[in-house]
């Protein structure tokens, strides 16, 4: 039986999703280098796949600590995301202290860092069957060059920094592109099927309705 847990980082308010089945796990957006490994140890789950919705640091700050603890886990991202996690500019670590101050969290130290490239990358799409569950990743540029959405069994969609309730899509950060968003990503988001469970990068999961699909 598949289990799904959400871990929210109190500093950046980003979500990490842990999918567990038969003692194995898929990690989507490992946001914290301490809490995520500790929770996996608690659950007794061994990471087998690590997927990223995009290259921003608040969604992958725990990536390298997971790799150190579980070196057999395979990291899969879009090609642009793999490039982005290796750049202090594109992964936003150079700007994170300013961003956190803007969000009302002053005096926080956030030293810039980079990650190693992904183990596997894809251009437009990638899919696999993991422990009987179909995972499909699709590139969705706009918020960042490396943004992607991840479908689980056709019923759940991990949307990263798209489809966050009550927030507009942010396209003005380094590497952001309104042209890419309007050409490639918005059409897909607008045509997602009502009833799909949305697991966003920030905020609580929700079920997509006809209207909410066209509000973003």
Protein backbone atom coordinates (compact mmCIF):
# COMPACT_ATOMS: atom_id res chain seq x y z
CA UNK A 1 0.00 0.00 0.00
CA UNK A 2 1.50 3.31 -1.09
CA UNK A 3 1.97 5.87 1.68
CA UNK A 4 2.43 9.59 1.03
CA UNK A 5 3.80 12.07 3.56
CA UNK A 6 4.38 15.81 3.27
CA UNK A 7 7.27 17.42 5.14
CA UNK A 8 7.16 21.25 5.28
CA UNK A 9 10.31 23.22 5.99
CA UNK A 10 9.48 25.89 8.62
CA UNK A 11 12.01 28.37 7.22
CA UNK A 12 11.12 28.40 3.52
CA UNK A 13 7.64 26.84 3.82
CA UNK A 14 8.46 24.47 0.96
CA UNK A 15 7.07 20.95 0.75
CA UNK A 16 8.93 17.68 0.43
CA UNK A 17 6.90 14.58 -0.42
CA UNK A 18 7.88 11.10 0.72
CA UNK A 19 6.31 8.16 -1.12
CA UNK A 20 6.74 4.81 0.60
CA UNK A 21 5.97 1.29 -0.59
CA UNK A 22 7.37 -1.97 0.80
CA UNK A 23 10.24 -0.28 2.63
CA UNK A 24 11.40 1.66 -0.44
CA UNK A 25 10.82 5.37 -1.03
CA UNK A 26 10.65 8.04 -3.67
CA UNK A 27 11.58 11.52 -2.46
CA UNK A 28 10.21 14.55 -4.30
CA UNK A 29 11.93 17.86 -3.49
CA UNK A 30 14.16 17.05 -0.47
CA UNK A 31 13.89 20.44 1.20
CA UNK A 32 15.84 19.90 4.43
CA UNK A 33 19.22 18.22 5.06
CA UNK A 34 18.31 17.10 8.59
CA UNK A 35 14.56 16.57 8.87
CA UNK A 36 14.08 14.53 5.69
CA UNK A 37 16.77 11.89 6.39
CA UNK A 38 15.66 11.73 10.04
CA UNK A 39 12.05 11.06 9.03
CA UNK A 40 13.11 8.38 6.55
CA UNK A 41 15.12 6.67 9.30
CA UNK A 42 12.08 6.86 11.59
CA UNK A 43 9.86 5.27 8.96
CA UNK A 44 12.44 2.67 7.99
CA UNK A 45 12.18 3.68 4.33
CA UNK A 46 15.16 3.45 1.96
CA UNK A 47 15.21 6.10 -0.80
CA UNK A 48 15.43 4.54 -4.26
CA UNK A 49 14.52 7.54 -6.42
CA UNK A 50 14.90 11.27 -5.80
CA UNK A 51 12.97 13.61 -8.12
CA UNK A 52 13.03 17.42 -8.27
CA UNK A 53 10.28 19.71 -9.52
CA UNK A 54 12.87 22.46 -10.07
CA UNK A 55 16.29 23.75 -9.18
CA UNK A 56 15.51 26.27 -6.42
CA UNK A 57 17.35 25.64 -3.16
CA UNK A 58 14.24 25.48 -0.98
CA UNK A 59 13.25 22.35 -2.93
CA UNK A 60 16.60 20.55 -2.89
CA UNK A 61 18.59 21.75 0.16
CA UNK A 62 18.57 18.17 1.47
CA UNK A 63 19.67 16.52 -1.76
CA UNK A 64 23.34 16.00 -0.98
CA UNK A 65 22.69 14.76 2.56
CA UNK A 66 20.36 12.09 1.12
CA UNK A 67 23.00 11.10 -1.42
CA UNK A 68 25.62 10.76 1.29
CA UNK A 69 23.39 8.60 3.49
CA UNK A 70 21.86 6.53 0.65
CA UNK A 71 24.32 6.60 -2.28
CA UNK A 72 22.30 3.98 -4.18
CA UNK A 73 19.36 6.38 -4.62
CA UNK A 74 19.06 7.61 -8.21
CA UNK A 75 18.49 11.34 -8.75
CA UNK A 76 16.39 12.17 -11.83
CA UNK A 77 15.70 15.73 -13.04
CA UNK A 78 15.18 17.63 -16.24
CA UNK A 79 18.39 18.58 -18.06
CA UNK A 80 17.94 22.26 -17.20
CA UNK A 81 17.25 21.45 -13.55
CA UNK A 82 20.45 19.42 -13.31
CA UNK A 83 22.36 22.43 -14.70
CA UNK A 84 20.52 24.79 -12.36
CA UNK A 85 21.31 22.97 -9.12
CA UNK A 86 24.98 23.44 -9.99
CA UNK A 87 24.60 27.25 -10.20
CA UNK A 88 24.39 29.52 -7.13
CA UNK A 89 22.53 32.03 -9.26
CA UNK A 90 19.96 29.70 -10.77
CA UNK A 91 19.42 27.71 -7.60
CA UNK A 92 18.70 31.00 -5.79
CA UNK A 93 21.15 30.45 -2.93
CA UNK A 94 22.86 33.76 -3.76
CA UNK A 95 19.54 35.56 -3.24
CA UNK A 96 17.99 33.48 -0.49
CA UNK A 97 18.78 35.78 2.43
CA UNK A 98 17.22 38.70 0.55
CA UNK A 99 14.17 36.59 -0.37
CA UNK A 100 13.69 35.43 3.24
CA UNK A 101 13.95 39.03 4.48
CA UNK A 102 11.27 40.00 1.94
CA UNK A 103 9.11 37.18 3.38
CA UNK A 104 9.54 38.63 6.88
CA UNK A 105 12.30 36.27 8.05
CA UNK A 106 15.13 38.63 8.91
CA UNK A 107 18.63 37.88 10.11
CA UNK A 108 18.72 34.37 8.66
CA UNK A 109 22.06 33.08 7.42
CA UNK A 110 21.72 31.05 4.19
CA UNK A 111 25.18 30.29 2.77
CA UNK A 112 25.17 29.70 -1.01
CA UNK A 113 25.78 26.12 -2.15
CA UNK A 114 25.58 23.92 -5.22
CA UNK A 115 24.71 20.26 -5.79
CA UNK A 116 26.24 17.61 -7.99
CA UNK A 117 24.47 16.94 -11.30
CA UNK A 118 21.57 14.53 -11.46
CA UNK A 119 22.31 10.86 -12.15
CA UNK A 120 19.78 10.80 -14.99
CA UNK A 121 18.29 13.69 -16.94
CA UNK A 122 15.52 14.10 -19.48
CA UNK A 123 14.60 16.70 -22.08
CA UNK A 124 10.81 16.77 -22.33
CA UNK A 125 9.56 13.72 -20.45
CA UNK A 126 10.69 10.72 -18.42
CA UNK A 127 8.71 7.91 -16.94
CA UNK A 128 9.23 4.76 -14.94
CA UNK A 129 7.30 2.15 -13.01
CA UNK A 130 8.44 2.09 -9.39
CA UNK A 131 7.10 -0.74 -7.21
CA UNK A 132 4.01 -0.98 -9.39
CA UNK A 133 3.38 2.80 -9.54
CA UNK A 134 3.77 4.87 -12.68
CA UNK A 135 5.77 8.07 -12.32
CA UNK A 136 5.78 10.50 -15.25
CA UNK A 137 7.89 13.65 -15.27
CA UNK A 138 7.25 16.39 -17.81
CA UNK A 139 9.31 19.55 -18.33
CA UNK A 140 7.34 22.73 -17.55
CA UNK A 141 9.65 25.71 -18.09
CA UNK A 142 8.65 29.19 -17.02
CA UNK A 143 9.08 29.53 -13.26
CA UNK A 144 12.60 28.25 -13.88
CA UNK A 145 14.27 26.69 -16.95
CA UNK A 146 14.30 23.30 -15.21
CA UNK A 147 10.78 23.23 -13.77
CA UNK A 148 8.82 20.01 -14.17
CA UNK A 149 5.59 18.39 -13.05
CA UNK A 150 5.42 14.83 -11.78
CA UNK A 151 2.37 12.59 -12.24
CA UNK A 152 1.81 9.61 -9.94
CA UNK A 153 -0.49 6.87 -11.29
CA UNK A 154 -2.44 9.49 -13.25
CA UNK A 155 -4.25 10.53 -10.05
CA UNK A 156 -1.76 12.81 -8.28
CA UNK A 157 0.31 15.69 -9.67
CA UNK A 158 3.32 17.20 -7.91
CA UNK A 159 3.26 20.70 -9.35
CA UNK A 160 6.32 22.37 -7.79
CA UNK A 161 5.86 26.14 -7.78
CA UNK A 162 2.85 26.02 -10.09
CA UNK A 163 -0.76 25.67 -8.91
CA UNK A 164 -0.06 27.11 -5.47
CA UNK A 165 -3.44 28.17 -4.13
CA UNK A 166 -3.87 31.90 -3.75
CA UNK A 167 -0.59 32.77 -5.51
CA UNK A 168 0.29 33.85 -9.01
CA UNK A 169 3.00 31.97 -10.87
CA UNK A 170 6.36 33.74 -10.38
CA UNK A 171 8.19 34.19 -13.67
CA UNK A 172 10.64 37.00 -12.84
CA UNK A 173 13.34 35.12 -10.91
CA UNK A 174 16.70 34.24 -12.56
CA UNK A 175 16.00 32.03 -15.58
CA UNK A 176 12.24 32.64 -15.44
CA UNK A 177 10.43 33.08 -18.77
CA UNK A 178 6.89 34.24 -19.44
CA UNK A 179 7.31 33.15 -23.08
CA UNK A 180 8.19 29.58 -22.10
CA UNK A 181 5.40 29.49 -19.55
CA UNK A 182 2.76 30.69 -21.99
CA UNK A 183 3.98 28.49 -24.85
CA UNK A 184 4.63 25.22 -23.04
CA UNK A 185 3.43 25.14 -19.46
CA UNK A 186 0.19 27.08 -19.15
CA UNK A 187 -1.57 24.97 -21.83
CA UNK A 188 -0.76 21.77 -19.93
CA UNK A 189 -1.80 23.21 -16.57
CA UNK A 190 -5.03 24.59 -18.03
CA UNK A 191 -5.94 21.15 -19.37
CA UNK A 192 -5.32 19.04 -16.29
CA UNK A 193 -8.29 16.85 -15.50
CA UNK A 194 -10.65 17.91 -12.71
CA UNK A 195 -10.40 15.53 -9.76
CA UNK A 196 -6.61 15.35 -9.94
CA UNK A 197 -4.95 15.57 -6.53
CA UNK A 198 -2.48 18.49 -6.61
CA UNK A 199 0.57 18.38 -4.32
CA UNK A 200 2.17 21.83 -4.69
CA UNK A 201 5.62 22.97 -3.66
CA UNK A 202 4.12 25.30 -1.05
CA UNK A 203 0.81 25.08 0.78
CA UNK A 204 -1.59 22.24 1.34
CA UNK A 205 -2.53 19.62 -1.27
CA UNK A 206 -5.94 20.04 -2.87
CA UNK A 207 -8.21 18.47 -5.45
CA UNK A 208 -8.31 20.26 -8.78
CA UNK A 209 -11.67 21.61 -9.88
CA UNK A 210 -12.62 22.81 -13.36
CA UNK A 211 -12.31 26.40 -12.22
CA UNK A 212 -9.05 26.17 -10.25
CA UNK A 213 -7.35 24.62 -13.24
CA UNK A 214 -7.98 27.80 -15.22
CA UNK A 215 -7.19 30.27 -12.46
CA UNK A 216 -3.44 29.68 -12.61
